[in-house]
């Protein structure tokens, strides 16, 4: 199966950023931020995104420690990726997301500054786009034929 469209997820316990990327263009962009309760999203919202975008695969960010070792959140992010696979029968990939939230906050400032708190103006979708872009940059060669 050729990969064309991919959804990226920046998993968190309170919010999950979502991005969409295309293998053909090798570009990712932010979509939305989903609310989560203790890491559990509203699966109806996730399903609506899957139905709307019809992705060929999903990429979930792995929040590794700065030294590359798994953080406490890695197991939860991997479980989320497996749940996406189980519910929607989509292949999943994980990608190192170190520093994407930091980069996303910088990107928000470049775009016109931060108004209020990050809770009121989340950067999760920007972080999802950054991690998906990183995955596309590293893996595009796999899909070229």
Protein backbone atom coordinates (compact mmCIF):
# COMPACT_ATOMS: atom_id res chain seq x y z
CA UNK A 1 0.00 0.00 0.00
CA UNK A 2 1.37 3.39 -0.95
CA UNK A 3 1.27 6.03 1.74
CA UNK A 4 -0.16 9.32 0.60
CA UNK A 5 -1.83 11.06 3.55
CA UNK A 6 -0.72 10.77 7.17
CA UNK A 7 -2.16 12.16 10.39
CA UNK A 8 0.30 13.11 13.12
CA UNK A 9 -0.54 13.19 16.83
CA UNK A 10 1.26 15.05 19.61
CA UNK A 11 -0.05 12.99 22.53
CA UNK A 12 -0.65 14.56 25.91
CA UNK A 13 -2.72 13.85 28.97
CA UNK A 14 -4.81 17.04 28.64
CA UNK A 15 -4.53 17.87 24.94
CA UNK A 16 -3.59 16.02 21.78
CA UNK A 17 -2.33 18.03 18.83
CA UNK A 18 -3.24 16.81 15.36
CA UNK A 19 -1.53 17.53 12.04
CA UNK A 20 -1.89 16.28 8.48
CA UNK A 21 0.92 15.55 6.07
CA UNK A 22 1.27 14.46 2.48
CA UNK A 23 4.01 12.13 1.32
CA UNK A 24 3.89 13.54 -2.23
CA UNK A 25 4.71 17.09 -1.15
CA UNK A 26 6.63 16.03 1.96
CA UNK A 27 4.87 18.72 3.95
CA UNK A 28 2.87 18.74 7.18
CA UNK A 29 0.52 21.33 8.61
CA UNK A 30 -1.40 21.70 11.84
CA UNK A 31 -5.06 20.67 11.98
CA UNK A 32 -6.52 20.97 15.47
CA UNK A 33 -6.12 20.26 19.16
CA UNK A 34 -8.30 17.64 20.83
CA UNK A 35 -9.10 17.75 24.52
CA UNK A 36 -8.17 14.67 26.53
CA UNK A 37 -8.98 13.50 30.04
CA UNK A 38 -6.01 11.74 31.60
CA UNK A 39 -4.75 10.96 28.10
CA UNK A 40 -8.05 9.65 26.75
CA UNK A 41 -9.44 11.62 23.81
CA UNK A 42 -13.05 11.85 22.73
CA UNK A 43 -12.84 8.91 20.34
CA UNK A 44 -15.83 10.29 18.37
CA UNK A 45 -13.71 13.34 17.48
CA UNK A 46 -10.79 11.11 16.49
CA UNK A 47 -13.12 8.99 14.35
CA UNK A 48 -14.50 12.12 12.66
CA UNK A 49 -10.93 13.14 11.73
CA UNK A 50 -10.16 9.65 10.40
CA UNK A 51 -13.35 9.65 8.30
CA UNK A 52 -12.73 13.17 6.98
CA UNK A 53 -9.05 12.79 6.09
CA UNK A 54 -8.90 9.04 5.32
CA UNK A 55 -5.23 8.72 6.27
CA UNK A 56 -3.09 5.83 5.06
CA UNK A 57 -1.18 5.79 8.36
CA UNK A 58 -0.68 7.72 11.60
CA UNK A 59 2.44 9.01 13.33
CA UNK A 60 2.48 9.50 17.09
CA UNK A 61 5.20 11.51 18.77
CA UNK A 62 7.37 9.77 21.37
CA UNK A 63 8.30 12.11 24.22
CA UNK A 64 11.83 10.81 24.79
CA UNK A 65 14.10 12.24 27.45
CA UNK A 66 16.86 14.55 26.22
CA UNK A 67 19.37 11.67 26.48
CA UNK A 68 17.20 9.54 24.17
CA UNK A 69 15.85 7.22 26.85
CA UNK A 70 12.08 6.61 27.09
CA UNK A 71 10.20 9.02 29.35
CA UNK A 72 7.29 8.01 31.55
CA UNK A 73 4.95 9.32 28.85
CA UNK A 74 6.45 7.13 26.10
CA UNK A 75 4.48 4.04 27.15
CA UNK A 76 1.25 6.06 27.15
CA UNK A 77 1.99 7.53 23.70
CA UNK A 78 2.75 4.06 22.34
CA UNK A 79 -0.48 2.72 23.85
CA UNK A 80 -2.37 5.57 22.15
CA UNK A 81 -0.72 4.63 18.83
CA UNK A 82 -1.74 0.97 19.29
CA UNK A 83 -5.30 2.05 20.08
CA UNK A 84 -5.44 4.07 16.86
CA UNK A 85 -4.23 0.97 15.03
CA UNK A 86 -6.75 -1.29 16.77
CA UNK A 87 -9.75 1.01 16.32
CA UNK A 88 -9.11 2.14 12.75
CA UNK A 89 -6.85 -0.59 11.35
CA UNK A 90 -4.24 1.99 10.35
CA UNK A 91 -0.51 1.34 10.33
CA UNK A 92 1.24 3.49 12.89
CA UNK A 93 4.71 4.88 13.29
CA UNK A 94 6.28 6.68 16.21
CA UNK A 95 8.71 9.57 15.97
CA UNK A 96 11.02 11.28 18.42
CA UNK A 97 9.30 14.50 19.41
CA UNK A 98 12.00 15.98 21.64
CA UNK A 99 11.92 19.79 21.58
CA UNK A 100 8.84 20.04 19.33
CA UNK A 101 6.80 21.78 22.04
CA UNK A 102 9.68 24.18 22.65
CA UNK A 103 9.91 24.81 18.89
CA UNK A 104 6.13 25.20 18.66
CA UNK A 105 6.17 27.91 21.34
CA UNK A 106 8.86 29.73 19.36
CA UNK A 107 6.78 29.36 16.20
CA UNK A 108 3.75 30.82 18.00
CA UNK A 109 5.82 33.85 19.00
CA UNK A 110 7.07 34.33 15.43
CA UNK A 111 3.49 34.25 14.14
CA UNK A 112 2.42 37.17 16.25
CA UNK A 113 3.16 36.52 19.85
CA UNK A 114 1.52 34.57 22.60
CA UNK A 115 -1.73 35.98 23.89
CA UNK A 116 -2.57 34.61 27.32
CA UNK A 117 -1.46 31.21 28.48
CA UNK A 118 -0.61 28.18 26.39
CA UNK A 119 -3.63 26.54 28.03
CA UNK A 120 -5.84 29.17 26.36
CA UNK A 121 -3.82 29.14 23.11
CA UNK A 122 -2.36 25.65 22.83
CA UNK A 123 0.64 24.90 20.69
CA UNK A 124 -0.10 21.15 20.48
CA UNK A 125 -1.19 21.23 16.81
CA UNK A 126 1.96 23.16 15.88
CA UNK A 127 4.02 20.55 17.77
CA UNK A 128 2.14 17.77 15.90
CA UNK A 129 2.98 19.42 12.57
CA UNK A 130 6.65 19.72 13.58
CA UNK A 131 6.94 16.08 14.63
CA UNK A 132 5.09 14.89 11.50
CA UNK A 133 7.33 17.09 9.35
CA UNK A 134 10.35 15.51 11.01
CA UNK A 135 8.98 12.04 10.30
CA UNK A 136 8.27 12.95 6.66
CA UNK A 137 11.77 14.42 6.26
CA UNK A 138 13.34 11.22 7.58
CA UNK A 139 11.08 8.74 5.78
CA UNK A 140 10.11 10.24 2.40
CA UNK A 141 12.81 8.20 0.66
CA UNK A 142 10.99 5.02 1.73
CA UNK A 143 8.00 5.97 -0.40
CA UNK A 144 9.76 7.10 -3.54
CA UNK A 145 9.77 4.48 -6.26
